[in-house]
Protein backbone atom coordinates (compact mmCIF):
# COMPACT_ATOMS: atom_id res chain seq x y z
CA UNK A 1 -2.22 -103.83 -87.87
CA UNK A 2 -1.18 -105.12 -91.28
CA UNK A 3 1.30 -107.91 -91.97
CA UNK A 4 3.58 -105.28 -93.53
CA UNK A 5 3.59 -103.30 -90.27
CA UNK A 6 4.47 -106.42 -88.32
CA UNK A 7 7.59 -107.02 -90.44
CA UNK A 8 8.92 -103.47 -90.15
CA UNK A 9 11.26 -102.41 -87.36
CA UNK A 10 9.23 -100.84 -84.56
CA UNK A 11 9.74 -97.17 -83.77
CA UNK A 12 9.91 -98.22 -80.10
CA UNK A 13 10.36 -101.65 -78.57
CA UNK A 14 10.30 -101.93 -74.80
CA UNK A 15 11.51 -105.40 -73.79
CA UNK A 16 11.11 -107.11 -70.41
CA UNK A 17 10.97 -103.81 -68.51
CA UNK A 18 11.07 -104.16 -64.73
CA UNK A 19 10.68 -101.45 -62.09
CA UNK A 20 10.37 -102.10 -58.35
CA UNK A 21 9.74 -99.74 -55.46
CA UNK A 22 10.80 -101.18 -52.12
CA UNK A 23 10.16 -104.76 -53.17
CA UNK A 24 6.87 -103.99 -54.92
CA UNK A 25 7.02 -104.81 -58.64
CA UNK A 26 5.34 -101.79 -60.23
CA UNK A 27 6.33 -103.08 -63.68
CA UNK A 28 7.09 -106.78 -63.93
CA UNK A 29 8.64 -107.95 -67.21
CA UNK A 30 6.54 -105.92 -69.64
CA UNK A 31 7.22 -105.84 -73.39
CA UNK A 32 5.36 -103.54 -75.80
CA UNK A 33 6.13 -101.89 -79.12
CA UNK A 34 5.00 -99.03 -81.32
CA UNK A 35 5.23 -98.52 -85.09
CA UNK A 36 5.36 -95.31 -87.14
CA UNK A 37 1.92 -93.80 -87.72
CA UNK A 38 0.33 -95.98 -85.05
CA UNK A 39 -1.51 -95.26 -81.80
CA UNK A 40 -1.05 -97.81 -79.03
CA UNK A 41 -3.32 -97.23 -76.03
CA UNK A 42 -1.93 -98.25 -72.66
CA UNK A 43 -4.75 -99.01 -70.25
CA UNK A 44 -5.32 -100.50 -66.83
CA UNK A 45 -6.79 -99.62 -63.47
CA UNK A 46 -5.09 -97.43 -60.86
CA UNK A 47 -1.83 -99.05 -59.79
CA UNK A 48 -1.66 -101.26 -62.90
CA UNK A 49 1.82 -99.90 -63.70
CA UNK A 50 1.09 -98.14 -66.98
CA UNK A 51 2.30 -94.71 -65.81
CA UNK A 52 5.49 -96.16 -64.32
CA UNK A 53 6.16 -98.09 -67.54
CA UNK A 54 5.76 -95.03 -69.73
CA UNK A 55 7.93 -92.96 -67.36
CA UNK A 56 10.84 -95.26 -68.24
CA UNK A 57 10.40 -94.19 -71.88
CA UNK A 58 9.98 -90.48 -71.08
CA UNK A 59 13.11 -90.48 -68.91
CA UNK A 60 11.25 -89.63 -65.72
CA UNK A 61 12.18 -92.97 -64.11
CA UNK A 62 14.96 -95.41 -64.96
CA UNK A 63 14.04 -99.07 -65.37
CA UNK A 64 15.74 -101.56 -63.05
CA UNK A 65 16.20 -103.94 -65.97
CA UNK A 66 15.07 -104.55 -69.52
CA UNK A 67 15.84 -102.83 -72.79
CA UNK A 68 14.43 -99.99 -74.87
CA UNK A 69 15.09 -100.04 -78.61
CA UNK A 70 14.47 -96.98 -80.80
CA UNK A 71 14.30 -97.91 -84.50
CA UNK A 72 15.92 -101.22 -83.63
CA UNK A 73 18.91 -99.68 -81.81
CA UNK A 74 19.42 -99.97 -78.04
CA UNK A 75 18.69 -96.64 -76.33
CA UNK A 76 19.96 -95.33 -73.01
CA UNK A 77 17.25 -93.19 -71.40
CA UNK A 78 17.90 -91.94 -67.88
CA UNK A 79 16.54 -88.39 -68.02
CA UNK A 80 13.87 -86.41 -69.91
CA UNK A 81 16.72 -84.79 -71.86
CA UNK A 82 17.83 -88.26 -73.03
CA UNK A 83 14.26 -88.93 -74.20
CA UNK A 84 14.17 -85.68 -76.20
CA UNK A 85 17.47 -86.69 -77.85
CA UNK A 86 15.62 -89.79 -79.13
CA UNK A 87 12.76 -87.56 -80.44
CA UNK A 88 10.44 -88.63 -77.62
CA UNK A 89 8.11 -85.94 -76.29
CA UNK A 90 5.52 -86.22 -73.53
CA UNK A 91 2.29 -84.24 -73.46
CA UNK A 92 1.06 -84.39 -69.90
CA UNK A 93 -2.57 -84.07 -68.86
CA UNK A 94 -1.74 -80.65 -67.39
CA UNK A 95 -0.20 -79.67 -70.79
CA UNK A 96 2.51 -77.64 -68.93
CA UNK A 97 1.57 -74.42 -70.69
CA UNK A 98 2.41 -70.92 -69.44
CA UNK A 99 -1.07 -69.46 -69.05
CA UNK A 100 -0.19 -65.80 -69.53
CA UNK A 101 1.65 -66.02 -72.84
CA UNK A 102 0.51 -66.78 -76.37
CA UNK A 103 0.77 -69.89 -78.55
CA UNK A 104 4.14 -69.01 -80.10
CA UNK A 105 5.59 -68.09 -76.70
CA UNK A 106 4.53 -71.48 -75.36
CA UNK A 107 5.87 -73.31 -78.39
CA UNK A 108 9.32 -71.86 -77.81
CA UNK A 109 9.22 -71.76 -74.01
CA UNK A 110 12.81 -72.27 -72.83
CA UNK A 111 14.01 -72.45 -76.45
CA UNK A 112 13.21 -68.90 -77.56
CA UNK A 113 14.43 -67.53 -80.88
CA UNK A 114 16.54 -64.37 -80.65
CA UNK A 115 17.35 -61.58 -83.09
CA UNK A 116 20.95 -60.70 -83.89
CA UNK A 117 20.64 -58.00 -81.21
CA UNK A 118 19.78 -60.60 -78.57
CA UNK A 119 16.12 -59.64 -78.20
CA UNK A 120 13.21 -62.05 -78.57
CA UNK A 121 12.35 -62.63 -82.23
CA UNK A 122 8.58 -62.62 -81.81
CA UNK A 123 7.89 -62.50 -85.54
CA UNK A 124 10.05 -65.57 -86.31
CA UNK A 125 8.42 -67.51 -83.48
CA UNK A 126 4.91 -66.58 -84.60
CA UNK A 127 5.74 -67.47 -88.22
CA UNK A 128 7.02 -70.89 -87.09
CA UNK A 129 3.92 -71.39 -84.93
CA UNK A 130 1.64 -70.55 -87.86
CA UNK A 131 3.46 -73.04 -90.14
CA UNK A 132 3.17 -75.91 -87.67
CA UNK A 133 -0.44 -75.10 -86.86
CA UNK A 134 -1.32 -74.92 -90.56
CA UNK A 135 -0.36 -78.62 -90.71
CA UNK A 136 -1.92 -79.71 -87.45
CA UNK A 137 -5.00 -77.56 -87.00
CA UNK A 138 -5.67 -75.15 -89.90
CA UNK A 139 -8.69 -73.69 -88.06
CA UNK A 140 -6.48 -72.37 -85.26
CA UNK A 141 -6.27 -68.57 -85.50
CA UNK A 142 -5.81 -67.37 -81.91
CA UNK A 143 -2.10 -66.63 -82.11
CA UNK A 144 -2.12 -63.31 -80.26
CA UNK A 145 -3.98 -64.21 -77.06
CA UNK A 146 -2.73 -65.81 -73.82
CA UNK A 147 -3.36 -69.56 -73.83
CA UNK A 148 -5.51 -69.20 -70.69
CA UNK A 149 -8.27 -67.86 -72.97
CA UNK A 150 -8.13 -70.84 -75.36
CA UNK A 151 -10.46 -73.85 -75.35
CA UNK A 152 -9.22 -77.22 -74.16
CA UNK A 153 -8.89 -78.51 -77.72
CA UNK A 154 -6.92 -75.44 -78.80
CA UNK A 155 -4.62 -75.82 -75.80
CA UNK A 156 -3.94 -79.42 -76.84
CA UNK A 157 -3.08 -78.06 -80.30
CA UNK A 158 -0.47 -75.73 -78.78
CA UNK A 159 1.10 -78.51 -76.68
CA UNK A 160 1.22 -80.86 -79.67
CA UNK A 161 2.59 -78.13 -81.96
CA UNK A 162 5.42 -77.55 -79.49
CA UNK A 163 6.38 -81.23 -79.58
CA UNK A 164 6.07 -81.56 -83.35
CA UNK A 165 8.04 -78.38 -84.10
CA UNK A 166 10.99 -79.84 -82.23
CA UNK A 167 10.84 -82.97 -84.40
CA UNK A 168 9.14 -85.43 -82.09
CA UNK A 169 8.78 -88.86 -83.71
CA UNK A 170 7.35 -90.56 -80.62
CA UNK A 171 4.60 -88.89 -78.60
CA UNK A 172 3.38 -89.93 -75.17
CA UNK A 173 -0.09 -88.48 -74.59
CA UNK A 174 -1.46 -88.65 -71.07
CA UNK A 175 -5.28 -88.49 -70.94
CA UNK A 176 -5.48 -86.10 -73.92
CA UNK A 177 -9.27 -85.74 -73.82
CA UNK A 178 -9.76 -85.52 -70.05
CA UNK A 179 -12.28 -82.79 -69.15
CA UNK A 180 -12.97 -81.99 -72.82
CA UNK A 181 -16.44 -81.74 -74.32
CA UNK A 182 -17.50 -83.72 -77.43
CA UNK A 183 -16.49 -81.01 -79.94
CA UNK A 184 -13.05 -80.56 -78.36
CA UNK A 185 -12.56 -84.33 -78.12
CA UNK A 186 -13.31 -84.55 -81.85
CA UNK A 187 -10.70 -81.82 -82.42
CA UNK A 188 -8.07 -83.84 -80.56
CA UNK A 189 -9.02 -86.91 -82.60
CA UNK A 190 -8.35 -84.88 -85.77
CA UNK A 191 -4.96 -83.81 -84.39
CA UNK A 192 -4.04 -87.43 -83.68
CA UNK A 193 -5.15 -88.44 -87.19
CA UNK A 194 -2.83 -85.78 -88.65
CA UNK A 195 0.09 -86.90 -86.47
CA UNK A 196 -0.42 -90.49 -87.65
CA UNK A 197 -0.41 -89.33 -91.27
CA UNK A 198 2.99 -87.77 -90.64
CA UNK A 199 4.36 -91.08 -89.37
CA UNK A 200 4.50 -90.12 -85.71
CA UNK A 201 3.92 -92.97 -83.26
CA UNK A 202 1.77 -92.30 -80.20
CA UNK A 203 1.48 -94.03 -76.84
CA UNK A 204 -1.91 -93.00 -75.47
CA UNK A 205 -2.62 -93.34 -71.75
CA UNK A 206 -6.34 -93.18 -71.07
CA UNK A 207 -8.99 -94.31 -68.60
CA UNK A 208 -11.77 -93.70 -71.11
CA UNK A 209 -12.56 -96.93 -72.94
CA UNK A 210 -14.55 -95.02 -75.59
CA UNK A 211 -11.55 -92.78 -76.35
CA UNK A 212 -9.34 -95.83 -76.51
CA UNK A 213 -11.54 -97.39 -79.18
CA UNK A 214 -11.95 -94.12 -81.06
CA UNK A 215 -8.28 -93.16 -81.15
CA UNK A 216 -6.07 -96.26 -80.99
CA UNK A 217 -4.98 -99.01 -83.37
CA UNK A 218 -3.83 -101.45 -80.71
CA UNK A 219 -4.53 -101.70 -76.99
CA UNK A 220 -2.02 -102.90 -74.39
CA UNK A 221 -3.59 -103.84 -71.06
CA UNK A 222 -1.74 -103.94 -67.74
CA UNK A 223 -2.84 -105.39 -64.41
CA UNK A 224 -0.78 -105.44 -61.20
CA UNK A 225 2.44 -104.58 -63.00
CA UNK A 226 2.15 -107.25 -65.66
CA UNK A 227 1.05 -107.10 -69.29
CA UNK A 228 -2.24 -108.93 -69.71
CA UNK A 229 -1.88 -108.65 -73.49
CA UNK A 230 -1.88 -106.44 -76.56
CA UNK A 231 -4.82 -106.66 -78.95
CA UNK A 232 -5.84 -105.11 -82.24
CA UNK A 233 -8.72 -102.75 -81.49
CA UNK A 234 -10.78 -104.02 -84.42
CA UNK A 235 -10.54 -107.62 -83.20
CA UNK A 236 -12.06 -107.11 -79.74
CA UNK A 237 -15.14 -105.68 -78.06
CA UNK A 238 -15.13 -103.06 -75.31
CA UNK A 239 -16.39 -105.70 -72.87
CA UNK A 240 -13.48 -107.99 -73.76
CA UNK A 241 -11.01 -105.18 -73.06
CA UNK A 242 -12.78 -104.46 -69.76
CA UNK A 243 -12.42 -108.14 -68.97
CA UNK A 244 -8.67 -107.82 -69.55
CA UNK A 245 -8.46 -104.67 -67.40
CA UNK A 246 -10.54 -105.92 -64.46
CA UNK A 247 -10.12 -109.70 -64.51
CA UNK A 248 -6.88 -110.14 -66.42
CA UNK A 249 -8.61 -112.52 -68.84
CA UNK A 250 -7.77 -112.74 -72.53
CA UNK A 251 -10.51 -112.10 -75.13
CA UNK A 252 -12.63 -115.23 -75.32
CA UNK A 253 -11.66 -116.44 -71.83
CA UNK A 254 -14.33 -114.59 -69.87
CA UNK A 255 -17.87 -115.97 -69.97
CA UNK A 256 -20.81 -113.82 -71.06
CA UNK A 257 -22.03 -113.90 -67.45
CA UNK A 258 -18.68 -112.56 -66.22
CA UNK A 259 -18.70 -109.82 -68.85
CA UNK A 260 -22.23 -108.80 -67.84
CA UNK A 261 -21.09 -108.57 -64.23
CA UNK A 262 -18.62 -105.82 -65.25
CA UNK A 263 -21.53 -103.44 -65.80
CA UNK A 264 -23.10 -103.96 -62.35
């Protein structure tokens, strides 16, 4: 990240977030931020706390304490509706698409456009879908078929188009390339590149260290509810990040022998 980026107000700043379940500190004083046009990967093993942390931003779970700032202003996020009001959209691994309807129908699911006679305005919805998709994925042409017949990469396009059409500025992407082949993964990478160019900030949750290095600008590592650290992707190796994830050691702290042990 450039010095200029560091001086600008973050799109999101989560400060000293704490969440406990029955005395267990799922998130214990974590602070992370995100700038416009940036991808921050949030990684850690199962139970590290990354999903719970991000749920406080998406409105799925309220933090016990701490503060969330959106564009430098304190935000109150208690529900998913609150998150949407702050232009935060979540794209879950399941994508939450209605399998039996087309791309435009999914884009406007629950927010359908109507004609003056009160009927569904299919043409207006398809036109809007085509405009958004022309920006995000110009190769997408399957507007008339149920999404169940689309490839994984195309389905991601539909889910992202839905978020972007409704003016998302902050995207939470949960395992966006899970179960995708190389070509579809490359397609998702292109989508993310386009979103960055439009100034959208992305929190990326992923277990795939290769995806993390391919897609992110910075990497925030959690272990047992705490933040191990946030590093610039270009300043670390994959082994150093694995050392943070598994051992909780900062880059440079783990010995070469310890790093080699990670692959056994």
